[in-house]
Amino acid sequence: MKEQLEEKRLKFLETEFVVFDLETSGLEPGRDEILEIAGIKLRGEQETGRFEALIQPTRLIPPDVERINGLNEFYLLSNGRKSAEVVKDFLAFVGDAIVSGHNIREFDWLFVASHAKRHGLPLPTNKLIDTLELSRKLLSLPQYNLTSVAKHFGYEHANAHRAMPDVEINTKVFVHLMEKMFAPPAEK
């Protein structure tokens, strides 16, 4: 078993991953908009690239959303790019990599797929590793939000609810969870 785990760990070190996060104007992928997207590309544990972009909204951002992430339409209209352009560039950045993030299966990746469809782009078919699901399987914690999981591994999660700071913390969490998966079981 130890040899199999080591073989899987070596394969992990050669595999390309993209850990990503979004900030959105709401919770409905078919209706709401992506406001910010960020990703870190890894080969195993090593960072090989970054992607970060703001997106110009087409509607007003609800005040409660602005309070959470600090993004408003004035800032995004002057600093962001068109959604179709950003989503296309992000999907090119991701390529065939395995995609990871916290709650991406139920939230973030649904927005990416919805926006790809909305803009007539090919629907992404990447494999997903959801760190929320993985942390629930591998850890025993009272809560599994990103801040709690990061704290478990000794990281402070300052500046939550902005895409790149969330990705930076989630990348550390992802690497720790993968290491935990490949660690041999403790001797009894």
C-alpha atoms as a PDB file:
ATOM      1  CA  MET A   1       0.000   0.000   0.000  1.00  0.00           C
ATOM      2  CA  LYS A   2       2.863   2.367   0.830  1.00  0.00           C
ATOM      3  CA  GLU A   3       4.255   1.896  -2.701  1.00  0.00           C
ATOM      4  CA  GLN A   4       0.840   2.653  -4.245  1.00  0.00           C
ATOM      5  CA  LEU A   5       0.534   5.855  -2.215  1.00  0.00           C
ATOM      6  CA  GLU A   6       4.024   6.925  -3.268  1.00  0.00           C
ATOM      7  CA  GLU A   7       3.178   6.197  -6.917  1.00  0.00           C
ATOM      8  CA  LYS A   8       0.023   8.338  -6.634  1.00  0.00           C
ATOM      9  CA  ARG A   9       1.978  11.120  -4.917  1.00  0.00           C
ATOM     10  CA  LEU A  10       4.524  11.134  -7.763  1.00  0.00           C
ATOM     11  CA  LYS A  11       1.691  11.302 -10.313  1.00  0.00           C
ATOM     12  CA  PHE A  12       0.212  14.229  -8.335  1.00  0.00           C
ATOM     13  CA  LEU A  13       3.544  16.075  -8.560  1.00  0.00           C
ATOM     14  CA  GLU A  14       3.408  15.801 -12.370  1.00  0.00           C
ATOM     15  CA  THR A  15      -0.258  16.798 -12.746  1.00  0.00           C
ATOM     16  CA  GLU A  16      -1.472  20.278 -13.623  1.00  0.00           C
ATOM     17  CA  PHE A  17      -4.119  21.866 -11.397  1.00  0.00           C
ATOM     18  CA  VAL A  18      -5.822  25.254 -11.305  1.00  0.00           C
ATOM     19  CA  VAL A  19      -7.157  26.426  -7.943  1.00  0.00           C
ATOM     20  CA  PHE A  20      -9.678  29.205  -8.553  1.00  0.00           C
ATOM     21  CA  ASP A  21     -12.326  31.390  -6.985  1.00  0.00           C
ATOM     22  CA  LEU A  22     -15.007  33.834  -8.116  1.00  0.00           C
ATOM     23  CA  GLU A  23     -16.793  36.819  -6.708  1.00  0.00           C
ATOM     24  CA  THR A  24     -20.315  37.144  -8.099  1.00  0.00           C
ATOM     25  CA  SER A  25     -23.260  39.539  -8.040  1.00  0.00           C
ATOM     26  CA  GLY A  26     -25.528  36.882  -6.509  1.00  0.00           C
ATOM     27  CA  LEU A  27     -26.093  33.170  -6.035  1.00  0.00           C
ATOM     28  CA  GLU A  28     -27.837  32.186  -9.309  1.00  0.00           C
ATOM     29  CA  PRO A  29     -25.428  31.082 -12.095  1.00  0.00           C
ATOM     30  CA  GLY A  30     -28.042  31.538 -14.827  1.00  0.00           C
ATOM     31  CA  ARG A  31     -29.011  35.040 -13.738  1.00  0.00           C
ATOM     32  CA  ASP A  32     -26.172  36.639 -11.773  1.00  0.00           C
ATOM     33  CA  GLU A  33     -22.785  37.779 -13.022  1.00  0.00           C
ATOM     34  CA  ILE A  34     -19.161  36.962 -12.306  1.00  0.00           C
ATOM     35  CA  LEU A  35     -17.482  40.137 -10.997  1.00  0.00           C
ATOM     36  CA  GLU A  36     -13.984  38.817 -10.322  1.00  0.00           C
ATOM     37  CA  ILE A  37     -12.110  35.633 -11.156  1.00  0.00           C
ATOM     38  CA  ALA A  38      -8.693  34.455 -10.011  1.00  0.00           C
ATOM     39  CA  GLY A  39      -6.689  31.276 -10.342  1.00  0.00           C
ATOM     40  CA  ILE A  40      -3.318  29.809  -9.500  1.00  0.00           C
ATOM     41  CA  LYS A  41      -1.907  27.107 -11.773  1.00  0.00           C
ATOM     42  CA  LEU A  42       0.132  24.368 -10.130  1.00  0.00           C
ATOM     43  CA  ARG A  43       2.193  21.437 -11.290  1.00  0.00           C
ATOM     44  CA  GLY A  44       1.882  19.293  -8.197  1.00  0.00           C
ATOM     45  CA  GLU A  45       2.728  21.682  -5.377  1.00  0.00           C
ATOM     46  CA  GLN A  46       4.656  24.216  -7.489  1.00  0.00           C
ATOM     47  CA  GLU A  47       2.998  27.400  -8.736  1.00  0.00           C
ATOM     48  CA  THR A  48       3.450  27.864 -12.489  1.00  0.00           C
ATOM     49  CA  GLY A  49       1.077  30.754 -13.248  1.00  0.00           C
ATOM     50  CA  ARG A  50      -1.604  33.169 -12.088  1.00  0.00           C
ATOM     51  CA  PHE A  51      -4.780  34.601 -13.565  1.00  0.00           C
ATOM     52  CA  GLU A  52      -6.684  37.538 -12.105  1.00  0.00           C
ATOM     53  CA  ALA A  53      -9.364  39.686 -13.710  1.00  0.00           C
ATOM     54  CA  LEU A  54     -12.212  42.010 -12.863  1.00  0.00           C
ATOM     55  CA  ILE A  55     -15.351  41.932 -14.999  1.00  0.00           C
ATOM     56  CA  GLN A  56     -17.538  44.880 -15.990  1.00  0.00           C
ATOM     57  CA  PRO A  57     -21.080  44.279 -14.737  1.00  0.00           C
ATOM     58  CA  THR A  58     -24.077  44.843 -16.998  1.00  0.00           C
ATOM     59  CA  ARG A  59     -26.430  45.614 -14.089  1.00  0.00           C
ATOM     60  CA  LEU A  60     -26.291  47.282 -10.700  1.00  0.00           C
ATOM     61  CA  ILE A  61     -24.597  45.261  -7.971  1.00  0.00           C
ATOM     62  CA  PRO A  62     -26.845  44.647  -4.958  1.00  0.00           C
ATOM     63  CA  PRO A  63     -25.706  46.594  -1.862  1.00  0.00           C
ATOM     64  CA  ASP A  64     -25.442  43.412   0.246  1.00  0.00           C
ATOM     65  CA  VAL A  65     -23.038  41.898  -2.329  1.00  0.00           C
ATOM     66  CA  GLU A  66     -20.965  45.096  -2.365  1.00  0.00           C
ATOM     67  CA  ARG A  67     -20.733  44.949   1.447  1.00  0.00           C
ATOM     68  CA  ILE A  68     -19.366  41.383   1.258  1.00  0.00           C
ATOM     69  CA  ASN A  69     -16.661  41.801  -1.389  1.00  0.00           C
ATOM     70  CA  GLY A  70     -16.234  45.580  -1.636  1.00  0.00           C
ATOM     71  CA  LEU A  71     -16.735  45.548  -5.416  1.00  0.00           C
ATOM     72  CA  ASN A  72     -19.010  48.209  -6.903  1.00  0.00           C
ATOM     73  CA  GLU A  73     -20.025  48.936 -10.460  1.00  0.00           C
ATOM     74  CA  PHE A  74     -17.984  52.184 -10.666  1.00  0.00           C
ATOM     75  CA  TYR A  75     -14.756  50.398  -9.763  1.00  0.00           C
ATOM     76  CA  LEU A  76     -15.521  47.406 -12.005  1.00  0.00           C
ATOM     77  CA  LEU A  77     -16.587  49.502 -15.009  1.00  0.00           C
ATOM     78  CA  SER A  78     -13.331  51.467 -14.900  1.00  0.00           C
ATOM     79  CA  ASN A  79     -11.006  48.544 -14.028  1.00  0.00           C
ATOM     80  CA  GLY A  80     -12.724  45.490 -15.464  1.00  0.00           C
ATOM     81  CA  ARG A  81     -13.026  43.894 -18.891  1.00  0.00           C
ATOM     82  CA  LYS A  82     -15.982  42.413 -20.766  1.00  0.00           C
ATOM     83  CA  SER A  83     -17.259  39.108 -19.362  1.00  0.00           C
ATOM     84  CA  ALA A  84     -16.916  37.154 -22.626  1.00  0.00           C
ATOM     85  CA  GLU A  85     -13.272  38.186 -22.977  1.00  0.00           C
ATOM     86  CA  VAL A  86     -12.377  37.308 -19.362  1.00  0.00           C
ATOM     87  CA  VAL A  87     -14.182  33.947 -19.352  1.00  0.00           C
ATOM     88  CA  LYS A  88     -12.521  33.000 -22.662  1.00  0.00           C
ATOM     89  CA  ASP A  89      -9.083  33.973 -21.294  1.00  0.00           C
ATOM     90  CA  PHE A  90      -9.711  32.110 -18.034  1.00  0.00           C
ATOM     91  CA  LEU A  91     -10.744  28.919 -19.844  1.00  0.00           C
ATOM     92  CA  ALA A  92      -7.600  29.185 -21.989  1.00  0.00           C
ATOM     93  CA  PHE A  93      -5.546  29.594 -18.787  1.00  0.00           C
ATOM     94  CA  VAL A  94      -7.201  26.499 -17.276  1.00  0.00           C
ATOM     95  CA  GLY A  95      -6.790  24.379 -20.415  1.00  0.00           C
ATOM     96  CA  ASP A  96      -7.020  20.675 -19.554  1.00  0.00           C
ATOM     97  CA  ALA A  97      -5.903  21.100 -15.942  1.00  0.00           C
ATOM     98  CA  ILE A  98      -7.800  19.550 -13.067  1.00  0.00           C
ATOM     99  CA  VAL A  99      -9.746  22.380 -11.445  1.00  0.00           C
ATOM    100  CA  SER A 100      -9.938  22.836  -7.686  1.00  0.00           C
ATOM    101  CA  GLY A 101     -11.632  25.239  -5.302  1.00  0.00           C
ATOM    102  CA  HIS A 102     -13.783  25.419  -2.200  1.00  0.00           C
ATOM    103  CA  ASN A 103     -17.403  24.529  -3.011  1.00  0.00           C
ATOM    104  CA  ILE A 104     -16.721  24.783  -6.759  1.00  0.00           C
ATOM    105  CA  ARG A 105     -18.913  21.813  -7.663  1.00  0.00           C
ATOM    106  CA  GLU A 106     -22.010  23.509  -6.202  1.00  0.00           C
ATOM    107  CA  PHE A 107     -21.166  27.141  -6.957  1.00  0.00           C
ATOM    108  CA  ASP A 108     -18.113  28.535  -8.774  1.00  0.00           C
ATOM    109  CA  TRP A 109     -17.844  25.978 -11.584  1.00  0.00           C
ATOM    110  CA  LEU A 110     -21.580  26.330 -12.288  1.00  0.00           C
ATOM    111  CA  PHE A 111     -20.990  30.060 -12.896  1.00  0.00           C
ATOM    112  CA  VAL A 112     -18.058  29.346 -15.230  1.00  0.00           C
ATOM    113  CA  ALA A 113     -20.125  26.830 -17.228  1.00  0.00           C
ATOM    114  CA  SER A 114     -23.141  29.165 -17.327  1.00  0.00           C
ATOM    115  CA  HIS A 115     -21.035  32.088 -18.535  1.00  0.00           C
ATOM    116  CA  ALA A 116     -19.266  29.934 -21.138  1.00  0.00           C
ATOM    117  CA  LYS A 117     -22.685  28.922 -22.491  1.00  0.00           C
ATOM    118  CA  ARG A 118     -23.950  32.531 -22.300  1.00  0.00           C
ATOM    119  CA  HIS A 119     -20.983  33.700 -24.406  1.00  0.00           C
ATOM    120  CA  GLY A 120     -21.109  30.840 -26.938  1.00  0.00           C
ATOM    121  CA  LEU A 121     -17.858  29.297 -25.687  1.00  0.00           C
ATOM    122  CA  PRO A 122     -17.274  25.536 -25.524  1.00  0.00           C
ATOM    123  CA  LEU A 123     -18.511  24.124 -22.222  1.00  0.00           C
ATOM    124  CA  PRO A 124     -15.589  23.112 -20.001  1.00  0.00           C
ATOM    125  CA  THR A 125     -15.297  19.400 -19.169  1.00  0.00           C
ATOM    126  CA  ASN A 126     -12.411  19.536 -16.687  1.00  0.00           C
ATOM    127  CA  LYS A 127     -12.186  17.137 -13.769  1.00  0.00           C
ATOM    128  CA  LEU A 128     -12.937  18.813 -10.437  1.00  0.00           C
ATOM    129  CA  ILE A 129     -11.492  18.443  -6.951  1.00  0.00           C
ATOM    130  CA  ASP A 130     -13.655  20.299  -4.461  1.00  0.00           C
ATOM    131  CA  THR A 131     -11.669  21.147  -1.325  1.00  0.00           C
ATOM    132  CA  LEU A 132     -14.919  21.498   0.652  1.00  0.00           C
ATOM    133  CA  GLU A 133     -15.851  17.882  -0.149  1.00  0.00           C
ATOM    134  CA  LEU A 134     -12.289  16.687   0.417  1.00  0.00           C
ATOM    135  CA  SER A 135     -11.951  18.437   3.779  1.00  0.00           C
ATOM    136  CA  ARG A 136     -15.241  16.871   4.932  1.00  0.00           C
ATOM    137  CA  LYS A 137     -13.857  13.425   4.049  1.00  0.00           C
ATOM    138  CA  LEU A 138     -10.363  13.881   5.485  1.00  0.00           C
ATOM    139  CA  LEU A 139     -10.814  16.167   8.502  1.00  0.00           C
ATOM    140  CA  SER A 140     -12.979  16.307  11.578  1.00  0.00           C
ATOM    141  CA  LEU A 141     -13.908  19.957  12.114  1.00  0.00           C
ATOM    142  CA  PRO A 142     -16.931  21.797  13.555  1.00  0.00           C
ATOM    143  CA  GLN A 143     -17.153  23.858  10.313  1.00  0.00           C
ATOM    144  CA  TYR A 144     -15.760  23.370   6.826  1.00  0.00           C
ATOM    145  CA  ASN A 145     -15.779  26.878   5.389  1.00  0.00           C
ATOM    146  CA  LEU A 146     -12.463  27.958   3.871  1.00  0.00           C
ATOM    147  CA  THR A 147     -11.510  30.089   6.890  1.00  0.00           C
ATOM    148  CA  SER A 148     -12.017  27.144   9.291  1.00  0.00           C
ATOM    149  CA  VAL A 149     -10.121  24.654   7.120  1.00  0.00           C
ATOM    150  CA  ALA A 150      -7.279  27.148   6.605  1.00  0.00           C
ATOM    151  CA  LYS A 151      -7.098  27.738  10.370  1.00  0.00           C
ATOM    152  CA  HIS A 152      -6.874  23.957  10.908  1.00  0.00           C
ATOM    153  CA  PHE A 153      -3.694  23.982   8.789  1.00  0.00           C
ATOM    154  CA  GLY A 154      -2.320  27.048  10.624  1.00  0.00           C
ATOM    155  CA  TYR A 155      -3.241  29.812   8.157  1.00  0.00           C
ATOM    156  CA  GLU A 156      -5.037  33.077   8.831  1.00  0.00           C
ATOM    157  CA  HIS A 157      -7.585  33.882   6.140  1.00  0.00           C
ATOM    158  CA  ALA A 158      -7.466  37.671   6.041  1.00  0.00           C
ATOM    159  CA  ASN A 159      -9.163  39.536   3.191  1.00  0.00           C
ATOM    160  CA  ALA A 160     -11.774  36.835   2.606  1.00  0.00           C
ATOM    161  CA  HIS A 161     -14.280  37.421  -0.199  1.00  0.00           C
ATOM    162  CA  ARG A 162     -11.804  38.713  -2.743  1.00  0.00           C
ATOM    163  CA  ALA A 163     -10.849  36.205  -5.403  1.00  0.00           C
ATOM    164  CA  MET A 164      -7.014  36.138  -5.299  1.00  0.00           C
ATOM    165  CA  PRO A 165      -6.635  36.141  -1.488  1.00  0.00           C
ATOM    166  CA  ASP A 166      -9.191  33.298  -1.354  1.00  0.00           C
ATOM    167  CA  VAL A 167      -7.266  31.406  -4.048  1.00  0.00           C
ATOM    168  CA  GLU A 168      -3.930  31.903  -2.269  1.00  0.00           C
ATOM    169  CA  ILE A 169      -5.335  30.411   0.960  1.00  0.00           C
ATOM    170  CA  ASN A 170      -7.212  27.674  -0.895  1.00  0.00           C
ATOM    171  CA  THR A 171      -4.042  26.680  -2.766  1.00  0.00           C
ATOM    172  CA  LYS A 172      -2.319  26.056   0.583  1.00  0.00           C
ATOM    173  CA  VAL A 173      -5.353  24.104   1.812  1.00  0.00           C
ATOM    174  CA  PHE A 174      -5.451  22.078  -1.425  1.00  0.00           C
ATOM    175  CA  VAL A 175      -1.770  21.095  -1.117  1.00  0.00           C
ATOM    176  CA  HIS A 176      -2.223  20.080   2.556  1.00  0.00           C
ATOM    177  CA  LEU A 177      -5.297  17.991   1.721  1.00  0.00           C
ATOM    178  CA  MET A 178      -3.459  16.245  -1.122  1.00  0.00           C
ATOM    179  CA  GLU A 179      -0.476  15.524   1.152  1.00  0.00           C
ATOM    180  CA  LYS A 180      -2.900  14.083   3.716  1.00  0.00           C
ATOM    181  CA  MET A 181      -4.376  11.805   1.033  1.00  0.00           C
ATOM    182  CA  PHE A 182      -0.955  10.407   0.146  1.00  0.00           C
ATOM    183  CA  ALA A 183       0.313   9.968   3.695  1.00  0.00           C
ATOM    184  CA  PRO A 184       0.504   6.338   4.780  1.00  0.00           C
ATOM    185  CA  PRO A 185      -2.012   5.383   7.480  1.00  0.00           C
ATOM    186  CA  ALA A 186      -0.714   5.815  11.032  1.00  0.00           C
ATOM    187  CA  GLU A 187       0.617   2.672  12.675  1.00  0.00           C
ATOM    188  CA  LYS A 188      -1.579   1.299  15.475  1.00  0.00           C
END
